[in-house]
C-alpha atoms as a PDB file:
ATOM      1  CA  MET A   1      50.086 130.136 274.256  1.00  0.00           C
ATOM      2  CA  VAL A   2      51.479 132.413 271.108  1.00  0.00           C
ATOM      3  CA  SER A   3      54.675 130.456 271.163  1.00  0.00           C
ATOM      4  CA  SER A   4      53.663 127.542 271.292  1.00  0.00           C
ATOM      5  CA  LEU A   5      50.717 127.404 268.016  1.00  0.00           C
ATOM      6  CA  LEU A   6      53.647 128.444 266.856  1.00  0.00           C
ATOM      7  CA  GLY A   7      55.449 125.487 267.428  1.00  0.00           C
ATOM      8  CA  ASN A   8      58.015 127.354 270.199  1.00  0.00           C
ATOM      9  CA  LEU A   9      59.751 128.504 267.885  1.00  0.00           C
ATOM     10  CA  SER A  10      60.489 132.383 267.883  1.00  0.00           C
ATOM     11  CA  PHE A  11      58.839 135.250 266.051  1.00  0.00           C
ATOM     12  CA  ASP A  12      59.798 138.945 266.265  1.00  0.00           C
ATOM     13  CA  ALA A  13      58.741 142.433 267.532  1.00  0.00           C
ATOM     14  CA  ASP A  14      56.123 143.110 264.584  1.00  0.00           C
ATOM     15  CA  LEU A  15      53.833 140.065 264.239  1.00  0.00           C
ATOM     16  CA  GLU A  16      54.263 139.906 268.082  1.00  0.00           C
ATOM     17  CA  ASN A  17      52.647 143.644 268.342  1.00  0.00           C
ATOM     18  CA  LEU A  18      50.650 142.095 265.883  1.00  0.00           C
ATOM     19  CA  ILE A  19      48.723 139.816 267.453  1.00  0.00           C
ATOM     20  CA  THR A  20      48.724 141.882 270.869  1.00  0.00           C
ATOM     21  CA  ASP A  21      46.484 144.932 269.259  1.00  0.00           C
ATOM     22  CA  LYS A  22      44.140 142.497 267.601  1.00  0.00           C
ATOM     23  CA  THR A  23      43.444 140.130 270.001  1.00  0.00           C
ATOM     24  CA  GLU A  24      43.868 141.044 273.530  1.00  0.00           C
ATOM     25  CA  GLY A  25      44.552 138.278 274.665  1.00  0.00           C
ATOM     26  CA  ASN A  26      41.299 136.334 273.670  1.00  0.00           C
ATOM     27  CA  PRO A  27      42.860 132.716 273.742  1.00  0.00           C
ATOM     28  CA  PHE A  28      39.989 131.557 271.055  1.00  0.00           C
ATOM     29  CA  PHE A  29      41.190 134.675 269.119  1.00  0.00           C
ATOM     30  CA  ILE A  30      45.727 134.603 268.567  1.00  0.00           C
ATOM     31  CA  GLU A  31      44.615 131.208 267.642  1.00  0.00           C
ATOM     32  CA  GLU A  32      42.226 131.463 264.663  1.00  0.00           C
ATOM     33  CA  PHE A  33      43.861 134.469 264.109  1.00  0.00           C
ATOM     34  CA  ILE A  34      47.613 132.774 263.750  1.00  0.00           C
ATOM     35  CA  LYS A  35      45.289 129.704 261.481  1.00  0.00           C
ATOM     36  CA  SER A  36      44.066 133.094 259.714  1.00  0.00           C
ATOM     37  CA  SER A  37      47.198 135.211 258.849  1.00  0.00           C
ATOM     38  CA  MET A  38      48.674 131.438 257.908  1.00  0.00           C
ATOM     39  CA  ASP A  39      47.048 130.674 255.266  1.00  0.00           C
ATOM     40  CA  LEU A  40      46.129 134.457 254.227  1.00  0.00           C
ATOM     41  CA  LYS A  41      50.627 134.696 254.034  1.00  0.00           C
ATOM     42  CA  ILE A  42      50.710 137.035 256.330  1.00  0.00           C
ATOM     43  CA  ILE A  43      52.204 134.948 258.781  1.00  0.00           C
ATOM     44  CA  GLU A  44      55.463 132.890 256.995  1.00  0.00           C
ATOM     45  CA  ARG A  45      58.449 130.973 258.387  1.00  0.00           C
ATOM     46  CA  LYS A  46      61.742 131.527 257.242  1.00  0.00           C
ATOM     47  CA  ALA A  47      64.384 129.495 259.143  1.00  0.00           C
ATOM     48  CA  ASP A  48      63.330 129.478 262.781  1.00  0.00           C
ATOM     49  CA  GLN A  49      61.667 132.419 263.242  1.00  0.00           C
ATOM     50  CA  TYR A  50      57.771 133.762 261.829  1.00  0.00           C
ATOM     51  CA  TYR A  51      57.942 137.405 260.718  1.00  0.00           C
ATOM     52  CA  LEU A  52      55.178 139.265 259.557  1.00  0.00           C
ATOM     53  CA  SER A  53      55.682 138.746 255.334  1.00  0.00           C
ATOM     54  CA  LYS A  54      54.079 141.330 253.957  1.00  0.00           C
ATOM     55  CA  ASN A  55      54.064 145.620 254.978  1.00  0.00           C
ATOM     56  CA  ILE A  56      50.754 145.059 257.003  1.00  0.00           C
ATOM     57  CA  GLN A  57      49.728 148.966 255.332  1.00  0.00           C
ATOM     58  CA  GLY A  58      46.717 148.405 253.431  1.00  0.00           C
ATOM     59  CA  LEU A  59      46.613 144.457 254.232  1.00  0.00           C
ATOM     60  CA  SER A  60      42.383 143.566 255.321  1.00  0.00           C
ATOM     61  CA  ILE A  61      43.010 142.405 258.454  1.00  0.00           C
ATOM     62  CA  PRO A  62      40.149 140.809 259.632  1.00  0.00           C
ATOM     63  CA  SER A  63      39.541 142.728 263.689  1.00  0.00           C
ATOM     64  CA  SER A  64      36.865 140.599 265.324  1.00  0.00           C
ATOM     65  CA  ILE A  65      36.857 137.361 266.332  1.00  0.00           C
ATOM     66  CA  GLN A  66      34.076 136.443 263.811  1.00  0.00           C
ATOM     67  CA  ASP A  67      35.894 137.804 259.887  1.00  0.00           C
ATOM     68  CA  VAL A  68      38.453 135.319 261.689  1.00  0.00           C
ATOM     69  CA  ILE A  69      36.961 133.249 261.576  1.00  0.00           C
ATOM     70  CA  MET A  70      34.580 133.635 258.537  1.00  0.00           C
ATOM     71  CA  ALA A  71      38.117 135.431 256.333  1.00  0.00           C
ATOM     72  CA  ARG A  72      38.944 130.905 256.838  1.00  0.00           C
ATOM     73  CA  VAL A  73      35.212 129.544 255.789  1.00  0.00           C
ATOM     74  CA  ASP A  74      36.412 132.007 252.918  1.00  0.00           C
ATOM     75  CA  THR A  75      39.454 130.522 251.681  1.00  0.00           C
ATOM     76  CA  LEU A  76      37.879 126.497 252.188  1.00  0.00           C
ATOM     77  CA  ALA A  77      36.060 124.989 248.833  1.00  0.00           C
ATOM     78  CA  GLU A  78      33.351 125.400 247.656  1.00  0.00           C
ATOM     79  CA  ASP A  79      31.576 121.944 248.219  1.00  0.00           C
ATOM     80  CA  ALA A  80      33.281 121.699 251.930  1.00  0.00           C
ATOM     81  CA  LYS A  81      31.940 125.598 252.462  1.00  0.00           C
ATOM     82  CA  LYS A  82      28.191 123.740 251.333  1.00  0.00           C
ATOM     83  CA  VAL A  83      28.895 120.818 254.211  1.00  0.00           C
ATOM     84  CA  LEU A  84      30.512 123.167 256.731  1.00  0.00           C
ATOM     85  CA  GLN A  85      27.533 125.857 256.290  1.00  0.00           C
ATOM     86  CA  THR A  86      24.601 122.788 256.415  1.00  0.00           C
ATOM     87  CA  GLY A  87      26.556 121.195 259.463  1.00  0.00           C
ATOM     88  CA  SER A  88      25.996 124.127 261.045  1.00  0.00           C
ATOM     89  CA  VAL A  89      22.263 124.866 260.280  1.00  0.00           C
ATOM     90  CA  ILE A  90      21.661 121.315 261.611  1.00  0.00           C
ATOM     91  CA  GLU A  91      23.799 122.326 265.330  1.00  0.00           C
ATOM     92  CA  ARG A  92      27.448 121.853 266.854  1.00  0.00           C
ATOM     93  CA  GLU A  93      27.169 118.418 266.779  1.00  0.00           C
ATOM     94  CA  PHE A  94      25.850 116.383 264.044  1.00  0.00           C
ATOM     95  CA  ASP A  95      25.949 112.650 262.772  1.00  0.00           C
ATOM     96  CA  PHE A  96      26.983 111.443 258.908  1.00  0.00           C
ATOM     97  CA  LYS A  97      24.468 109.444 258.439  1.00  0.00           C
ATOM     98  CA  LEU A  98      21.734 112.422 258.726  1.00  0.00           C
ATOM     99  CA  ILE A  99      24.221 115.032 257.153  1.00  0.00           C
ATOM    100  CA  LYS A 100      24.996 112.580 254.327  1.00  0.00           C
ATOM    101  CA  HIS A 101      21.078 112.920 254.098  1.00  0.00           C
ATOM    102  CA  VAL A 102      20.335 116.662 253.920  1.00  0.00           C
ATOM    103  CA  THR A 103      23.069 116.343 251.157  1.00  0.00           C
ATOM    104  CA  GLY A 104      22.926 113.649 249.015  1.00  0.00           C
ATOM    105  CA  LEU A 105      26.311 113.699 248.673  1.00  0.00           C
ATOM    106  CA  SER A 106      28.275 110.285 247.948  1.00  0.00           C
ATOM    107  CA  ASP A 107      30.211 108.550 251.303  1.00  0.00           C
ATOM    108  CA  LYS A 108      33.170 109.594 248.677  1.00  0.00           C
ATOM    109  CA  GLU A 109      32.456 112.975 248.393  1.00  0.00           C
ATOM    110  CA  LEU A 110      31.312 113.518 252.072  1.00  0.00           C
ATOM    111  CA  LEU A 111      34.772 112.369 253.659  1.00  0.00           C
ATOM    112  CA  LYS A 112      36.881 113.940 250.825  1.00  0.00           C
ATOM    113  CA  HIS A 113      35.051 117.348 251.865  1.00  0.00           C
ATOM    114  CA  PHE A 114      34.859 116.813 255.795  1.00  0.00           C
ATOM    115  CA  LEU A 115      39.217 115.989 255.150  1.00  0.00           C
ATOM    116  CA  ILE A 116      39.181 119.557 254.104  1.00  0.00           C
ATOM    117  CA  LEU A 117      36.975 120.966 257.196  1.00  0.00           C
ATOM    118  CA  LYS A 118      39.091 118.906 260.526  1.00  0.00           C
ATOM    119  CA  ASP A 119      42.399 119.127 258.019  1.00  0.00           C
ATOM    120  CA  SER A 120      41.143 123.062 258.659  1.00  0.00           C
ATOM    121  CA  GLU A 121      40.467 123.016 262.533  1.00  0.00           C
ATOM    122  CA  LEU A 122      36.379 123.927 261.900  1.00  0.00           C
ATOM    123  CA  ILE A 123      35.242 120.688 263.076  1.00  0.00           C
ATOM    124  CA  TYR A 124      36.178 117.517 264.995  1.00  0.00           C
ATOM    125  CA  GLU A 125      35.392 113.890 264.161  1.00  0.00           C
ATOM    126  CA  ARG A 126      34.025 111.732 267.432  1.00  0.00           C
ATOM    127  CA  GLY A 127      33.370 108.444 266.765  1.00  0.00           C
ATOM    128  CA  ILE A 128      34.059 105.840 263.944  1.00  0.00           C
ATOM    129  CA  PHE A 129      33.460 105.986 260.335  1.00  0.00           C
ATOM    130  CA  PRO A 130      30.689 104.956 260.341  1.00  0.00           C
ATOM    131  CA  ASN A 131      29.307 105.725 263.044  1.00  0.00           C
ATOM    132  CA  SER A 132      31.099 109.553 262.884  1.00  0.00           C
ATOM    133  CA  ALA A 133      29.667 112.974 264.280  1.00  0.00           C
ATOM    134  CA  PHE A 134      31.170 116.560 264.011  1.00  0.00           C
ATOM    135  CA  VAL A 135      31.785 118.937 266.425  1.00  0.00           C
ATOM    136  CA  PHE A 136      31.939 121.898 265.756  1.00  0.00           C
ATOM    137  CA  LYS A 137      35.440 123.790 266.938  1.00  0.00           C
ATOM    138  CA  HIS A 138      33.669 126.632 269.389  1.00  0.00           C
ATOM    139  CA  ALA A 139      30.025 127.310 269.487  1.00  0.00           C
ATOM    140  CA  LEU A 140      30.950 130.400 268.324  1.00  0.00           C
ATOM    141  CA  THR A 141      32.362 129.048 264.839  1.00  0.00           C
ATOM    142  CA  ARG A 142      29.194 127.458 264.651  1.00  0.00           C
ATOM    143  CA  GLU A 143      27.032 130.510 265.285  1.00  0.00           C
ATOM    144  CA  VAL A 144      29.530 132.762 262.821  1.00  0.00           C
ATOM    145  CA  VAL A 145      29.148 129.843 259.486  1.00  0.00           C
ATOM    146  CA  TYR A 146      25.390 129.426 259.883  1.00  0.00           C
END
């Protein structure tokens, strides 16, 4: 699974040990941990291999899936984070018209924030604008954001 998440490139033993130790084999945790570690520049790619880019001693590495999700959310732009938090109050799935009404943001502003949130893979879009609905990637993601 780790290999497929890293584009089938190789990775060093220290990275493999860190992922195994932290995630205990939980697939959702593995995926979120890798994304968070890449966002935090703990994992980097050099040529055709991923490796630990920092000495992990003394680094604050999230140790639970909730911590990993929050670390990813904390890297978001403040306005995008507010939209995500508002969506979490509504439900796991919420439509564009409702979130627009609740936030009072223009279509353009809201679409900009949703682009960030979709790129971060915290939510997915269903349907075609303006009848779009947005869904949290995982129920636990919504719960943590809420």
